[in-house]
């Protein structure tokens, strides 16, 4: 299944994408696509043919609502660590994005005030489907409900030049576009064999594959569950391949008016425009 949310920001409705590319309403089954709905089992074994078609869904919102935690893994591709001038980590590098950063897959990216190093990162994100605390092996895999595209938007000056914590450069408003869909695991034959790409103004900067991840999704869930319990609806974004802006020589950063497109095999595409914060 490909679950989504559609409608104006703050007033999205639950839906899914059928095999013909039409949006179907899920409002008769669940109030929203969130941790409660995911854990309830109401989104399993749906007879799609009985759901009403939404003729004009309009804007796509973030595909998961009411996210409790938005955890990210840094430097999880060896070649990205190299372009960043940082050593390959011996354990996952963990940081958090503010949940207020979450936005729709095609919403504008707002450049914060005093920002001049606005950057991009195409990432495979997973969504937790059941509580996870000290899980191991197959238990960790079973806690993953599905996957989606995430753009881990970053302000490198805030991240790397304003103290030792990355969060300041990761959690600004609109720095977490997710979607267009939450794709259930049964539709993804191998999450470690997915092509992923990102373009800015039509120029391709990132062209990688999840097969080069250092720490794999199930291991990441297992690892995180040692330090915090994970709850249904939590998001974990698993890192980016090389080709980010600050890794270019010389570095390339986003400016208002720039157009960003990105996607992952089987998980859809995102299309954003960078805008100044006062627009």
C-alpha atoms as a PDB file:
ATOM      1  CA  UNK A   1       0.000   0.000   0.000  1.00  0.00           C
ATOM      2  CA  UNK A   2       0.994   3.610  -0.572  1.00  0.00           C
ATOM      3  CA  UNK A   3      -0.530   5.750   2.163  1.00  0.00           C
ATOM      4  CA  UNK A   4      -0.695   9.536   1.869  1.00  0.00           C
ATOM      5  CA  UNK A   5      -2.323  12.655   3.267  1.00  0.00           C
ATOM      6  CA  UNK A   6      -3.895  15.308   1.084  1.00  0.00           C
ATOM      7  CA  UNK A   7      -5.352  18.779   1.539  1.00  0.00           C
ATOM      8  CA  UNK A   8      -4.383  22.149   2.953  1.00  0.00           C
ATOM      9  CA  UNK A   9      -1.645  22.325   5.573  1.00  0.00           C
ATOM     10  CA  UNK A  10      -3.076  21.551   8.986  1.00  0.00           C
ATOM     11  CA  UNK A  11      -6.251  20.084   7.520  1.00  0.00           C
ATOM     12  CA  UNK A  12      -4.980  17.012   5.653  1.00  0.00           C
ATOM     13  CA  UNK A  13      -7.093  13.910   5.162  1.00  0.00           C
ATOM     14  CA  UNK A  14      -5.957  10.277   5.006  1.00  0.00           C
ATOM     15  CA  UNK A  15      -5.777   8.476   1.688  1.00  0.00           C
ATOM     16  CA  UNK A  16      -3.924   5.952  -0.393  1.00  0.00           C
ATOM     17  CA  UNK A  17      -2.676   5.726  -3.957  1.00  0.00           C
ATOM     18  CA  UNK A  18      -4.283   2.897  -5.912  1.00  0.00           C
ATOM     19  CA  UNK A  19      -2.678   0.843  -8.690  1.00  0.00           C
ATOM     20  CA  UNK A  20      -4.045   3.232 -11.327  1.00  0.00           C
ATOM     21  CA  UNK A  21      -2.484   6.279  -9.686  1.00  0.00           C
ATOM     22  CA  UNK A  22      -5.767   7.587  -8.258  1.00  0.00           C
ATOM     23  CA  UNK A  23      -6.098   8.852  -4.699  1.00  0.00           C
ATOM     24  CA  UNK A  24      -8.704   7.054  -2.594  1.00  0.00           C
ATOM     25  CA  UNK A  25     -10.116   8.347   0.676  1.00  0.00           C
ATOM     26  CA  UNK A  26      -9.462   6.476   3.932  1.00  0.00           C
ATOM     27  CA  UNK A  27     -11.599   8.793   6.076  1.00  0.00           C
ATOM     28  CA  UNK A  28     -14.191   6.065   6.664  1.00  0.00           C
ATOM     29  CA  UNK A  29     -11.538   3.814   8.229  1.00  0.00           C
ATOM     30  CA  UNK A  30      -9.107   6.064  10.116  1.00  0.00           C
ATOM     31  CA  UNK A  31      -8.974   9.624  11.329  1.00  0.00           C
ATOM     32  CA  UNK A  32      -5.436  10.132  10.000  1.00  0.00           C
ATOM     33  CA  UNK A  33      -2.263   8.338   8.906  1.00  0.00           C
ATOM     34  CA  UNK A  34      -0.448   8.354  12.233  1.00  0.00           C
ATOM     35  CA  UNK A  35       1.057   6.017  14.768  1.00  0.00           C
ATOM     36  CA  UNK A  36      -2.311   5.106  16.232  1.00  0.00           C
ATOM     37  CA  UNK A  37      -3.729   4.135  12.837  1.00  0.00           C
ATOM     38  CA  UNK A  38      -0.583   2.242  11.859  1.00  0.00           C
ATOM     39  CA  UNK A  39      -0.506   0.241  15.095  1.00  0.00           C
ATOM     40  CA  UNK A  40      -4.250  -0.458  15.092  1.00  0.00           C
ATOM     41  CA  UNK A  41      -4.127  -2.779  12.091  1.00  0.00           C
ATOM     42  CA  UNK A  42      -6.924  -0.853  10.379  1.00  0.00           C
ATOM     43  CA  UNK A  43      -4.615  -0.109   7.439  1.00  0.00           C
ATOM     44  CA  UNK A  44      -4.017  -3.801   6.727  1.00  0.00           C
ATOM     45  CA  UNK A  45      -6.012  -5.907   4.241  1.00  0.00           C
ATOM     46  CA  UNK A  46      -7.945  -2.971   2.812  1.00  0.00           C
ATOM     47  CA  UNK A  47     -10.291  -3.623  -0.101  1.00  0.00           C
ATOM     48  CA  UNK A  48      -9.187  -0.657  -2.183  1.00  0.00           C
ATOM     49  CA  UNK A  49     -12.076  -1.052  -4.643  1.00  0.00           C
ATOM     50  CA  UNK A  50     -14.559  -0.080  -1.916  1.00  0.00           C
ATOM     51  CA  UNK A  51     -12.878   3.252  -1.190  1.00  0.00           C
ATOM     52  CA  UNK A  52     -14.150   6.436  -2.876  1.00  0.00           C
ATOM     53  CA  UNK A  53     -11.885   8.109  -5.433  1.00  0.00           C
ATOM     54  CA  UNK A  54     -10.815  11.660  -4.586  1.00  0.00           C
ATOM     55  CA  UNK A  55     -11.185  13.499  -7.916  1.00  0.00           C
ATOM     56  CA  UNK A  56      -8.989  16.488  -7.021  1.00  0.00           C
ATOM     57  CA  UNK A  57      -6.828  15.804  -3.967  1.00  0.00           C
ATOM     58  CA  UNK A  58      -4.762  18.981  -4.450  1.00  0.00           C
ATOM     59  CA  UNK A  59      -1.743  19.398  -2.228  1.00  0.00           C
ATOM     60  CA  UNK A  60      -0.008  16.343  -0.782  1.00  0.00           C
ATOM     61  CA  UNK A  61       0.850  16.784   2.869  1.00  0.00           C
ATOM     62  CA  UNK A  62       3.458  14.923   4.914  1.00  0.00           C
ATOM     63  CA  UNK A  63       2.488  11.267   4.644  1.00  0.00           C
ATOM     64  CA  UNK A  64       2.622  10.648   8.413  1.00  0.00           C
ATOM     65  CA  UNK A  65       0.904  12.828  11.023  1.00  0.00           C
ATOM     66  CA  UNK A  66       1.485  13.438  14.726  1.00  0.00           C
ATOM     67  CA  UNK A  67       5.088  12.237  14.623  1.00  0.00           C
ATOM     68  CA  UNK A  68       6.525  11.770  18.096  1.00  0.00           C
ATOM     69  CA  UNK A  69      10.217  11.510  17.199  1.00  0.00           C
ATOM     70  CA  UNK A  70      12.147  12.384  14.040  1.00  0.00           C
ATOM     71  CA  UNK A  71      15.545  10.706  14.378  1.00  0.00           C
ATOM     72  CA  UNK A  72      18.301  10.866  11.763  1.00  0.00           C
ATOM     73  CA  UNK A  73      21.499   8.946  11.125  1.00  0.00           C
ATOM     74  CA  UNK A  74      24.482  10.966   9.942  1.00  0.00           C
ATOM     75  CA  UNK A  75      27.425   9.878   7.782  1.00  0.00           C
ATOM     76  CA  UNK A  76      25.784   6.531   6.980  1.00  0.00           C
ATOM     77  CA  UNK A  77      27.350   6.257   3.510  1.00  0.00           C
ATOM     78  CA  UNK A  78      31.128   5.889   3.431  1.00  0.00           C
ATOM     79  CA  UNK A  79      31.532   8.054   0.333  1.00  0.00           C
ATOM     80  CA  UNK A  80      29.430  10.820   1.897  1.00  0.00           C
ATOM     81  CA  UNK A  81      31.601  10.722   5.020  1.00  0.00           C
ATOM     82  CA  UNK A  82      34.634  11.096   2.753  1.00  0.00           C
ATOM     83  CA  UNK A  83      33.226  14.132   0.936  1.00  0.00           C
ATOM     84  CA  UNK A  84      32.390  15.635   4.335  1.00  0.00           C
ATOM     85  CA  UNK A  85      35.985  15.189   5.489  1.00  0.00           C
ATOM     86  CA  UNK A  86      34.811  13.073   8.428  1.00  0.00           C
ATOM     87  CA  UNK A  87      35.816   9.548   9.498  1.00  0.00           C
ATOM     88  CA  UNK A  88      33.525   6.591   8.869  1.00  0.00           C
ATOM     89  CA  UNK A  89      31.633   6.155  12.146  1.00  0.00           C
ATOM     90  CA  UNK A  90      32.116   3.011  14.203  1.00  0.00           C
ATOM     91  CA  UNK A  91      28.568   3.371  15.535  1.00  0.00           C
ATOM     92  CA  UNK A  92      25.601   5.226  14.036  1.00  0.00           C
ATOM     93  CA  UNK A  93      25.804   9.012  14.347  1.00  0.00           C
ATOM     94  CA  UNK A  94      22.435   9.990  15.822  1.00  0.00           C
ATOM     95  CA  UNK A  95      20.750  13.385  15.829  1.00  0.00           C
ATOM     96  CA  UNK A  96      17.187  14.659  15.903  1.00  0.00           C
ATOM     97  CA  UNK A  97      15.205  16.937  13.648  1.00  0.00           C
ATOM     98  CA  UNK A  98      12.418  18.951  15.257  1.00  0.00           C
ATOM     99  CA  UNK A  99       9.011  17.555  14.336  1.00  0.00           C
ATOM    100  CA  UNK A 100       8.031  21.145  13.469  1.00  0.00           C
ATOM    101  CA  UNK A 101      10.415  20.788  10.496  1.00  0.00           C
ATOM    102  CA  UNK A 102       8.078  18.268   8.861  1.00  0.00           C
ATOM    103  CA  UNK A 103       6.275  19.440   5.727  1.00  0.00           C
ATOM    104  CA  UNK A 104       4.743  18.080   2.553  1.00  0.00           C
ATOM    105  CA  UNK A 105       6.875  16.592  -0.214  1.00  0.00           C
ATOM    106  CA  UNK A 106       6.291  19.506  -2.569  1.00  0.00           C
ATOM    107  CA  UNK A 107       6.039  22.383  -0.106  1.00  0.00           C
ATOM    108  CA  UNK A 108       8.460  25.301  -0.334  1.00  0.00           C
ATOM    109  CA  UNK A 109      11.732  25.105   1.582  1.00  0.00           C
ATOM    110  CA  UNK A 110      12.101  28.289   3.621  1.00  0.00           C
ATOM    111  CA  UNK A 111      15.621  29.663   3.919  1.00  0.00           C
ATOM    112  CA  UNK A 112      16.033  30.832   7.534  1.00  0.00           C
ATOM    113  CA  UNK A 113      17.162  34.329   8.427  1.00  0.00           C
ATOM    114  CA  UNK A 114      20.965  34.690   8.419  1.00  0.00           C
ATOM    115  CA  UNK A 115      21.295  31.520   6.348  1.00  0.00           C
ATOM    116  CA  UNK A 116      23.793  31.348   3.505  1.00  0.00           C
ATOM    117  CA  UNK A 117      24.630  27.604   3.439  1.00  0.00           C
ATOM    118  CA  UNK A 118      21.305  25.922   2.716  1.00  0.00           C
ATOM    119  CA  UNK A 119      21.859  22.333   1.592  1.00  0.00           C
ATOM    120  CA  UNK A 120      20.048  19.171   0.523  1.00  0.00           C
ATOM    121  CA  UNK A 121      20.192  15.427   1.315  1.00  0.00           C
ATOM    122  CA  UNK A 122      18.035  12.737  -0.308  1.00  0.00           C
ATOM    123  CA  UNK A 123      17.413   9.980   2.246  1.00  0.00           C
ATOM    124  CA  UNK A 124      15.516   6.745   2.754  1.00  0.00           C
ATOM    125  CA  UNK A 125      13.348   7.120   5.859  1.00  0.00           C
ATOM    126  CA  UNK A 126      11.541   4.386   7.731  1.00  0.00           C
ATOM    127  CA  UNK A 127       8.427   4.587   9.887  1.00  0.00           C
ATOM    128  CA  UNK A 128       8.012   2.600  13.091  1.00  0.00           C
ATOM    129  CA  UNK A 129       4.926   0.377  13.151  1.00  0.00           C
ATOM    130  CA  UNK A 130       5.060  -1.120  16.644  1.00  0.00           C
ATOM    131  CA  UNK A 131       6.786  -0.220  19.925  1.00  0.00           C
ATOM    132  CA  UNK A 132      10.495  -1.044  19.979  1.00  0.00           C
ATOM    133  CA  UNK A 133      12.585  -1.237  23.132  1.00  0.00           C
ATOM    134  CA  UNK A 134      15.743  -3.372  23.260  1.00  0.00           C
ATOM    135  CA  UNK A 135      14.685  -5.247  20.139  1.00  0.00           C
ATOM    136  CA  UNK A 136      17.116  -7.469  18.240  1.00  0.00           C
ATOM    137  CA  UNK A 137      17.397  -9.141  14.840  1.00  0.00           C
ATOM    138  CA  UNK A 138      14.068 -10.055  13.304  1.00  0.00           C
ATOM    139  CA  UNK A 139      12.206  -8.193  16.046  1.00  0.00           C
ATOM    140  CA  UNK A 140      13.741  -4.948  14.807  1.00  0.00           C
ATOM    141  CA  UNK A 141      12.776  -5.710  11.216  1.00  0.00           C
ATOM    142  CA  UNK A 142       9.203  -6.409  12.305  1.00  0.00           C
ATOM    143  CA  UNK A 143       9.008  -2.960  13.898  1.00  0.00           C
ATOM    144  CA  UNK A 144       9.366  -1.235  10.511  1.00  0.00           C
ATOM    145  CA  UNK A 145       5.971  -0.388   8.981  1.00  0.00           C
ATOM    146  CA  UNK A 146       7.275   1.026   5.721  1.00  0.00           C
ATOM    147  CA  UNK A 147       9.533   3.456   3.906  1.00  0.00           C
ATOM    148  CA  UNK A 148       9.392   6.905   2.336  1.00  0.00           C
ATOM    149  CA  UNK A 149      11.503   9.643   0.780  1.00  0.00           C
ATOM    150  CA  UNK A 150      12.948  12.342   3.048  1.00  0.00           C
ATOM    151  CA  UNK A 151      14.893  15.463   2.141  1.00  0.00           C
ATOM    152  CA  UNK A 152      17.121  16.116   5.146  1.00  0.00           C
ATOM    153  CA  UNK A 153      17.427  19.840   4.449  1.00  0.00           C
ATOM    154  CA  UNK A 154      20.362  21.362   6.329  1.00  0.00           C
ATOM    155  CA  UNK A 155      21.863  24.769   7.085  1.00  0.00           C
ATOM    156  CA  UNK A 156      25.568  23.961   7.189  1.00  0.00           C
ATOM    157  CA  UNK A 157      26.627  27.153   8.924  1.00  0.00           C
ATOM    158  CA  UNK A 158      24.122  26.571  11.721  1.00  0.00           C
ATOM    159  CA  UNK A 159      25.063  22.869  11.839  1.00  0.00           C
ATOM    160  CA  UNK A 160      28.849  23.031  11.821  1.00  0.00           C
ATOM    161  CA  UNK A 161      29.855  26.570  12.837  1.00  0.00           C
ATOM    162  CA  UNK A 162      27.507  27.362  15.737  1.00  0.00           C
ATOM    163  CA  UNK A 163      28.668  24.911  18.409  1.00  0.00           C
ATOM    164  CA  UNK A 164      29.049  21.151  18.634  1.00  0.00           C
ATOM    165  CA  UNK A 165      25.419  20.075  18.133  1.00  0.00           C
ATOM    166  CA  UNK A 166      23.995  19.469  14.658  1.00  0.00           C
ATOM    167  CA  UNK A 167      20.362  20.036  15.602  1.00  0.00           C
ATOM    168  CA  UNK A 168      20.405  23.805  15.021  1.00  0.00           C
ATOM    169  CA  UNK A 169      21.145  23.255  11.358  1.00  0.00           C
ATOM    170  CA  UNK A 170      18.664  20.423  10.930  1.00  0.00           C
ATOM    171  CA  UNK A 171      15.408  21.404  12.606  1.00  0.00           C
ATOM    172  CA  UNK A 172      14.338  24.691  11.015  1.00  0.00           C
ATOM    173  CA  UNK A 173      10.804  24.958   9.670  1.00  0.00           C
ATOM    174  CA  UNK A 174      10.330  23.055   6.352  1.00  0.00           C
ATOM    175  CA  UNK A 175      13.653  21.185   6.786  1.00  0.00           C
ATOM    176  CA  UNK A 176      11.860  17.818   6.786  1.00  0.00           C
ATOM    177  CA  UNK A 177       9.819  17.166   3.624  1.00  0.00           C
ATOM    178  CA  UNK A 178       8.505  13.584   3.778  1.00  0.00           C
ATOM    179  CA  UNK A 179       6.536  11.552   1.250  1.00  0.00           C
ATOM    180  CA  UNK A 180       4.788  11.614  -1.137  1.00  0.00           C
ATOM    181  CA  UNK A 181       3.760   8.236   0.261  1.00  0.00           C
ATOM    182  CA  UNK A 182       4.404   5.865   3.109  1.00  0.00           C
ATOM    183  CA  UNK A 183       5.049   2.614   1.225  1.00  0.00           C
ATOM    184  CA  UNK A 184       4.469  -0.584   3.176  1.00  0.00           C
ATOM    185  CA  UNK A 185       7.277  -3.135   3.363  1.00  0.00           C
ATOM    186  CA  UNK A 186       5.506  -5.680   1.176  1.00  0.00           C
ATOM    187  CA  UNK A 187       5.871  -3.345  -1.823  1.00  0.00           C
ATOM    188  CA  UNK A 188       9.644  -3.007  -1.398  1.00  0.00           C
ATOM    189  CA  UNK A 189      11.427  -6.219  -2.401  1.00  0.00           C
ATOM    190  CA  UNK A 190      14.791  -5.054  -1.052  1.00  0.00           C
ATOM    191  CA  UNK A 191      15.226  -1.707   0.765  1.00  0.00           C
ATOM    192  CA  UNK A 192      18.988  -2.145   0.297  1.00  0.00           C
ATOM    193  CA  UNK A 193      18.798  -2.015  -3.496  1.00  0.00           C
ATOM    194  CA  UNK A 194      17.024   1.282  -4.154  1.00  0.00           C
ATOM    195  CA  UNK A 195      18.377   3.924  -6.490  1.00  0.00           C
ATOM    196  CA  UNK A 196      18.175   7.450  -5.105  1.00  0.00           C
ATOM    197  CA  UNK A 197      18.819  10.811  -6.765  1.00  0.00           C
ATOM    198  CA  UNK A 198      18.550  14.565  -6.308  1.00  0.00           C
ATOM    199  CA  UNK A 199      18.710  17.456  -8.773  1.00  0.00           C
ATOM    200  CA  UNK A 200      18.919  21.216  -8.321  1.00  0.00           C
ATOM    201  CA  UNK A 201      17.655  23.334 -11.219  1.00  0.00           C
ATOM    202  CA  UNK A 202      17.838  20.252 -13.436  1.00  0.00           C
ATOM    203  CA  UNK A 203      21.450  19.386 -12.578  1.00  0.00           C
ATOM    204  CA  UNK A 204      21.936  16.001 -10.916  1.00  0.00           C
ATOM    205  CA  UNK A 205      24.086  16.179  -7.788  1.00  0.00           C
ATOM    206  CA  UNK A 206      23.191  12.958  -5.991  1.00  0.00           C
ATOM    207  CA  UNK A 207      22.952   9.602  -7.764  1.00  0.00           C
ATOM    208  CA  UNK A 208      23.378   6.777  -5.272  1.00  0.00           C
ATOM    209  CA  UNK A 209      21.926   3.540  -4.017  1.00  0.00           C
ATOM    210  CA  UNK A 210      20.881   2.284  -0.602  1.00  0.00           C
ATOM    211  CA  UNK A 211      23.159  -0.742  -1.079  1.00  0.00           C
ATOM    212  CA  UNK A 212      26.115   1.393   0.054  1.00  0.00           C
ATOM    213  CA  UNK A 213      24.676   2.133   3.504  1.00  0.00           C
ATOM    214  CA  UNK A 214      27.039   1.412   6.381  1.00  0.00           C
ATOM    215  CA  UNK A 215      24.339   0.660   8.963  1.00  0.00           C
ATOM    216  CA  UNK A 216      21.236  -1.043   7.589  1.00  0.00           C
ATOM    217  CA  UNK A 217      17.645  -0.081   8.538  1.00  0.00           C
ATOM    218  CA  UNK A 218      16.890  -3.039  10.842  1.00  0.00           C
ATOM    219  CA  UNK A 219      20.207  -2.607  12.656  1.00  0.00           C
ATOM    220  CA  UNK A 220      19.485   1.118  13.082  1.00  0.00           C
ATOM    221  CA  UNK A 221      16.151   0.296  14.739  1.00  0.00           C
ATOM    222  CA  UNK A 222      17.888  -2.250  16.984  1.00  0.00           C
ATOM    223  CA  UNK A 223      20.623   0.246  17.882  1.00  0.00           C
ATOM    224  CA  UNK A 224      18.275   3.143  18.632  1.00  0.00           C
ATOM    225  CA  UNK A 225      16.046   0.940  20.774  1.00  0.00           C
ATOM    226  CA  UNK A 226      18.935   0.545  23.225  1.00  0.00           C
ATOM    227  CA  UNK A 227      18.862   4.265  23.983  1.00  0.00           C
ATOM    228  CA  UNK A 228      15.181   5.221  23.610  1.00  0.00           C
ATOM    229  CA  UNK A 229      11.924   3.447  23.036  1.00  0.00           C
ATOM    230  CA  UNK A 230      10.563   3.891  19.527  1.00  0.00           C
ATOM    231  CA  UNK A 231       6.824   4.321  19.091  1.00  0.00           C
ATOM    232  CA  UNK A 232       4.449   3.766  16.158  1.00  0.00           C
ATOM    233  CA  UNK A 233       4.636   6.735  13.828  1.00  0.00           C
ATOM    234  CA  UNK A 234       8.199   7.698  14.757  1.00  0.00           C
ATOM    235  CA  UNK A 235      10.415   8.477  11.754  1.00  0.00           C
ATOM    236  CA  UNK A 236      14.028   7.408  11.306  1.00  0.00           C
ATOM    237  CA  UNK A 237      15.912   8.856   8.329  1.00  0.00           C
ATOM    238  CA  UNK A 238      18.885   6.704   7.418  1.00  0.00           C
ATOM    239  CA  UNK A 239      21.474   8.991   5.814  1.00  0.00           C
ATOM    240  CA  UNK A 240      22.456  10.285   2.400  1.00  0.00           C
ATOM    241  CA  UNK A 241      24.815   9.253  -0.418  1.00  0.00           C
ATOM    242  CA  UNK A 242      27.473  11.675  -1.738  1.00  0.00           C
ATOM    243  CA  UNK A 243      26.656  14.761  -3.751  1.00  0.00           C
ATOM    244  CA  UNK A 244      25.463  17.225  -1.139  1.00  0.00           C
ATOM    245  CA  UNK A 245      26.106  20.916  -1.683  1.00  0.00           C
ATOM    246  CA  UNK A 246      28.858  21.453   0.849  1.00  0.00           C
ATOM    247  CA  UNK A 247      30.745  18.480  -0.612  1.00  0.00           C
ATOM    248  CA  UNK A 248      31.095  20.199  -4.000  1.00  0.00           C
ATOM    249  CA  UNK A 249      34.341  21.949  -4.907  1.00  0.00           C
ATOM    250  CA  UNK A 250      33.648  24.776  -4.443  1.00  0.00           C
ATOM    251  CA  UNK A 251      30.552  24.246  -2.270  1.00  0.00           C
ATOM    252  CA  UNK A 252      27.151  24.898  -3.833  1.00  0.00           C
ATOM    253  CA  UNK A 253      24.232  26.079  -1.720  1.00  0.00           C
ATOM    254  CA  UNK A 254      20.560  26.764  -2.331  1.00  0.00           C
ATOM    255  CA  UNK A 255      19.215  30.244  -2.966  1.00  0.00           C
ATOM    256  CA  UNK A 256      15.639  31.520  -3.186  1.00  0.00           C
ATOM    257  CA  UNK A 257      14.138  30.436  -6.489  1.00  0.00           C
ATOM    258  CA  UNK A 258      16.168  27.246  -6.785  1.00  0.00           C
ATOM    259  CA  UNK A 259      14.152  24.147  -7.669  1.00  0.00           C
ATOM    260  CA  UNK A 260      14.948  20.826  -5.964  1.00  0.00           C
ATOM    261  CA  UNK A 261      13.753  17.440  -7.242  1.00  0.00           C
ATOM    262  CA  UNK A 262      14.534  14.113  -5.625  1.00  0.00           C
ATOM    263  CA  UNK A 263      13.314  10.539  -5.535  1.00  0.00           C
ATOM    264  CA  UNK A 264      13.907   6.927  -4.565  1.00  0.00           C
ATOM    265  CA  UNK A 265      12.958   3.857  -6.590  1.00  0.00           C
ATOM    266  CA  UNK A 266       9.432   2.718  -5.703  1.00  0.00           C
ATOM    267  CA  UNK A 267       8.916   5.492  -3.167  1.00  0.00           C
ATOM    268  CA  UNK A 268       8.040   8.435  -5.412  1.00  0.00           C
ATOM    269  CA  UNK A 269       9.441  11.904  -5.960  1.00  0.00           C
ATOM    270  CA  UNK A 270       9.521  15.281  -4.256  1.00  0.00           C
ATOM    271  CA  UNK A 271       9.702  18.730  -5.896  1.00  0.00           C
ATOM    272  CA  UNK A 272      10.447  21.839  -3.848  1.00  0.00           C
ATOM    273  CA  UNK A 273      11.320  25.495  -4.383  1.00  0.00           C
ATOM    274  CA  UNK A 274      13.596  27.405  -2.014  1.00  0.00           C
ATOM    275  CA  UNK A 275      12.112  30.699  -0.815  1.00  0.00           C
ATOM    276  CA  UNK A 276      13.266  33.459   1.522  1.00  0.00           C
ATOM    277  CA  UNK A 277      11.848  33.301   5.040  1.00  0.00           C
ATOM    278  CA  UNK A 278       9.800  36.488   4.703  1.00  0.00           C
ATOM    279  CA  UNK A 279       8.031  35.480   1.477  1.00  0.00           C
END
